[in-house]
């Protein structure tokens, strides 16, 4: 989504965007794994979740808002923009037909890790999204390399005709 926004490309959103996902900042996930490795009883199983379910459409809109704000407020970030800043808007959202059998909700119950090991995410949801957006803005060379070649062929095959 971030790459598409920076390029002024459409943002494919399945169905009406009502699909719900549980969101967790990557560093919190890593800390949860580390805690399980160090503190959990052998063979115990833990779900590491964000305690944060959100509709996909709300995430897309939040990413648009944060990206536009960050680029507006930081001249360095303007250098990675491949479209006019006025193109960064909800108009980029394109609703595409949902996949047959697509789950409306992917979320896990992380209450066991909270109860047994006292683990909770440290990063609130919006801060995590903001940090992620900034990471992409500050690492565009890496992003460009990753999304070239085979990945781009896959992306075009999956989303090109929707």
Protein backbone atom coordinates (compact mmCIF):
# COMPACT_ATOMS: atom_id res chain seq x y z
CA UNK A 1 0.00 0.00 0.00
CA UNK A 2 2.74 2.46 0.94
CA UNK A 3 4.61 1.90 -2.33
CA UNK A 4 1.44 2.36 -4.36
CA UNK A 5 0.58 5.57 -2.51
CA UNK A 6 4.06 6.98 -3.14
CA UNK A 7 3.63 6.23 -6.85
CA UNK A 8 0.06 7.52 -7.06
CA UNK A 9 -1.21 4.04 -7.97
CA UNK A 10 -4.56 2.57 -7.03
CA UNK A 11 -4.90 0.78 -3.70
CA UNK A 12 -6.76 -2.52 -4.15
CA UNK A 13 -9.07 -3.25 -1.22
CA UNK A 14 -11.03 -6.50 -1.14
CA UNK A 15 -14.82 -6.24 -1.06
CA UNK A 16 -15.93 -3.20 0.92
CA UNK A 17 -12.84 -3.26 3.12
CA UNK A 18 -14.81 -4.72 6.02
CA UNK A 19 -12.41 -7.65 6.50
CA UNK A 20 -10.96 -7.51 10.02
CA UNK A 21 -7.35 -8.21 10.91
CA UNK A 22 -5.41 -8.17 14.17
CA UNK A 23 -2.53 -5.69 13.95
CA UNK A 24 0.75 -5.94 15.85
CA UNK A 25 3.92 -3.89 15.44
CA UNK A 26 6.83 -6.09 14.30
CA UNK A 27 9.14 -5.25 17.23
CA UNK A 28 6.39 -6.21 19.69
CA UNK A 29 5.98 -9.52 17.89
CA UNK A 30 9.72 -10.17 18.08
CA UNK A 31 9.72 -9.35 21.80
CA UNK A 32 6.84 -11.79 22.30
CA UNK A 33 8.73 -14.57 20.53
CA UNK A 34 11.84 -13.80 22.57
CA UNK A 35 9.86 -13.94 25.81
CA UNK A 36 8.34 -17.31 24.88
CA UNK A 37 11.77 -18.70 24.03
CA UNK A 38 13.24 -17.53 27.33
CA UNK A 39 10.37 -17.89 29.82
CA UNK A 40 7.73 -20.33 28.59
CA UNK A 41 7.49 -23.93 29.68
CA UNK A 42 8.71 -26.35 27.00
CA UNK A 43 6.05 -27.28 24.41
CA UNK A 44 3.61 -24.57 25.52
CA UNK A 45 1.90 -22.82 22.63
CA UNK A 46 1.19 -19.10 22.63
CA UNK A 47 -0.63 -16.82 20.25
CA UNK A 48 1.17 -13.48 19.99
CA UNK A 49 -1.42 -10.94 18.90
CA UNK A 50 -1.95 -7.24 19.03
CA UNK A 51 -5.20 -7.04 20.98
CA UNK A 52 -6.11 -4.72 18.10
CA UNK A 53 -8.67 -5.78 15.54
CA UNK A 54 -9.38 -3.30 12.77
CA UNK A 55 -11.13 -3.23 9.41
CA UNK A 56 -8.82 -3.18 6.40
CA UNK A 57 -10.39 -0.02 4.99
CA UNK A 58 -9.62 1.85 8.21
CA UNK A 59 -5.99 0.77 7.97
CA UNK A 60 -5.70 1.93 4.37
CA UNK A 61 -7.17 5.33 5.23
CA UNK A 62 -4.87 5.69 8.23
CA UNK A 63 -1.80 4.87 6.11
CA UNK A 64 -2.87 7.47 3.53
CA UNK A 65 -3.34 10.09 6.25
CA UNK A 66 -0.02 9.37 7.97
CA UNK A 67 1.93 9.21 4.72
CA UNK A 68 0.55 12.54 3.53
CA UNK A 69 1.28 14.14 6.91
CA UNK A 70 4.85 12.81 7.05
CA UNK A 71 5.64 13.95 3.49
CA UNK A 72 4.06 17.36 4.07
CA UNK A 73 6.12 17.91 7.23
CA UNK A 74 9.51 16.56 6.08
CA UNK A 75 11.27 17.76 2.93
CA UNK A 76 13.53 14.67 2.90
CA UNK A 77 10.50 12.42 2.48
CA UNK A 78 9.32 14.43 -0.54
CA UNK A 79 12.33 13.02 -2.44
CA UNK A 80 10.83 9.51 -2.49
CA UNK A 81 7.43 10.69 -3.73
CA UNK A 82 6.86 9.64 -7.36
CA UNK A 83 3.59 11.53 -7.80
CA UNK A 84 2.23 14.92 -6.83
CA UNK A 85 1.36 15.17 -3.15
CA UNK A 86 -2.18 16.20 -4.12
CA UNK A 87 -2.65 12.65 -5.49
CA UNK A 88 -2.27 11.17 -2.01
CA UNK A 89 -5.92 10.82 -1.09
CA UNK A 90 -8.71 8.34 -0.51
CA UNK A 91 -9.38 8.54 -4.26
CA UNK A 92 -6.58 5.98 -4.67
CA UNK A 93 -8.74 3.34 -2.94
CA UNK A 94 -10.11 0.85 -5.46
CA UNK A 95 -12.51 -1.79 -4.24
CA UNK A 96 -11.87 -5.14 -5.93
CA UNK A 97 -13.89 -8.34 -5.90
CA UNK A 98 -13.19 -10.35 -2.80
CA UNK A 99 -11.64 -13.79 -3.17
CA UNK A 100 -14.07 -16.70 -2.92
CA UNK A 101 -13.96 -18.09 0.60
CA UNK A 102 -11.88 -15.17 1.88
CA UNK A 103 -12.01 -15.02 5.67
CA UNK A 104 -13.71 -11.90 6.94
CA UNK A 105 -11.68 -11.98 10.14
CA UNK A 106 -8.12 -13.03 10.93
CA UNK A 107 -7.57 -12.52 14.60
CA UNK A 108 -6.15 -14.60 17.39
CA UNK A 109 -6.70 -14.70 21.11
CA UNK A 110 -3.44 -13.67 22.83
CA UNK A 111 -4.88 -13.85 26.35
CA UNK A 112 -2.78 -16.90 27.31
CA UNK A 113 0.57 -15.14 26.76
CA UNK A 114 -0.75 -12.15 28.68
CA UNK A 115 -1.90 -14.31 31.59
CA UNK A 116 1.02 -16.75 31.73
CA UNK A 117 3.94 -14.49 30.81
CA UNK A 118 2.59 -10.98 31.34
CA UNK A 119 3.21 -10.05 27.70
CA UNK A 120 1.34 -7.21 26.03
CA UNK A 121 2.31 -5.11 23.02
CA UNK A 122 4.35 -2.05 24.01
CA UNK A 123 3.64 -0.05 20.86
CA UNK A 124 0.16 1.39 20.44
CA UNK A 125 -1.44 0.77 17.07
CA UNK A 126 -1.14 4.23 15.49
CA UNK A 127 2.47 4.63 16.64
CA UNK A 128 3.31 1.26 15.07
CA UNK A 129 1.73 2.23 11.75
CA UNK A 130 3.51 5.60 11.85
CA UNK A 131 6.88 3.92 12.54
CA UNK A 132 6.26 1.50 9.68
CA UNK A 133 5.41 4.31 7.24
CA UNK A 134 8.53 6.24 8.28
CA UNK A 135 10.67 3.12 7.85
CA UNK A 136 9.46 2.78 4.26
CA UNK A 137 10.12 6.45 3.58
CA UNK A 138 13.65 6.16 4.97
CA UNK A 139 14.51 2.87 3.21
CA UNK A 140 13.24 3.36 -0.33
CA UNK A 141 16.40 1.96 -1.96
CA UNK A 142 15.84 -1.34 -0.19
CA UNK A 143 12.12 -1.31 -0.99
CA UNK A 144 12.77 -0.61 -4.68
CA UNK A 145 15.16 -3.55 -4.89
CA UNK A 146 12.72 -5.93 -3.21
CA UNK A 147 9.77 -5.03 -5.42
CA UNK A 148 11.57 -5.38 -8.71
CA UNK A 149 11.66 -8.44 -10.94
CA UNK A 150 9.87 -11.57 -9.79
CA UNK A 151 7.88 -9.83 -7.08
CA UNK A 152 6.55 -7.32 -9.59
CA UNK A 153 5.44 -10.14 -11.92
CA UNK A 154 3.57 -11.74 -9.02
CA UNK A 155 1.92 -8.45 -8.05
CA UNK A 156 0.81 -7.75 -11.62
CA UNK A 157 -0.58 -11.28 -11.96
CA UNK A 158 -2.53 -11.00 -8.70
CA UNK A 159 -3.83 -7.42 -8.96
CA UNK A 160 -3.24 -6.18 -12.50
CA UNK A 161 -6.65 -7.06 -13.93
CA UNK A 162 -8.88 -6.14 -10.99
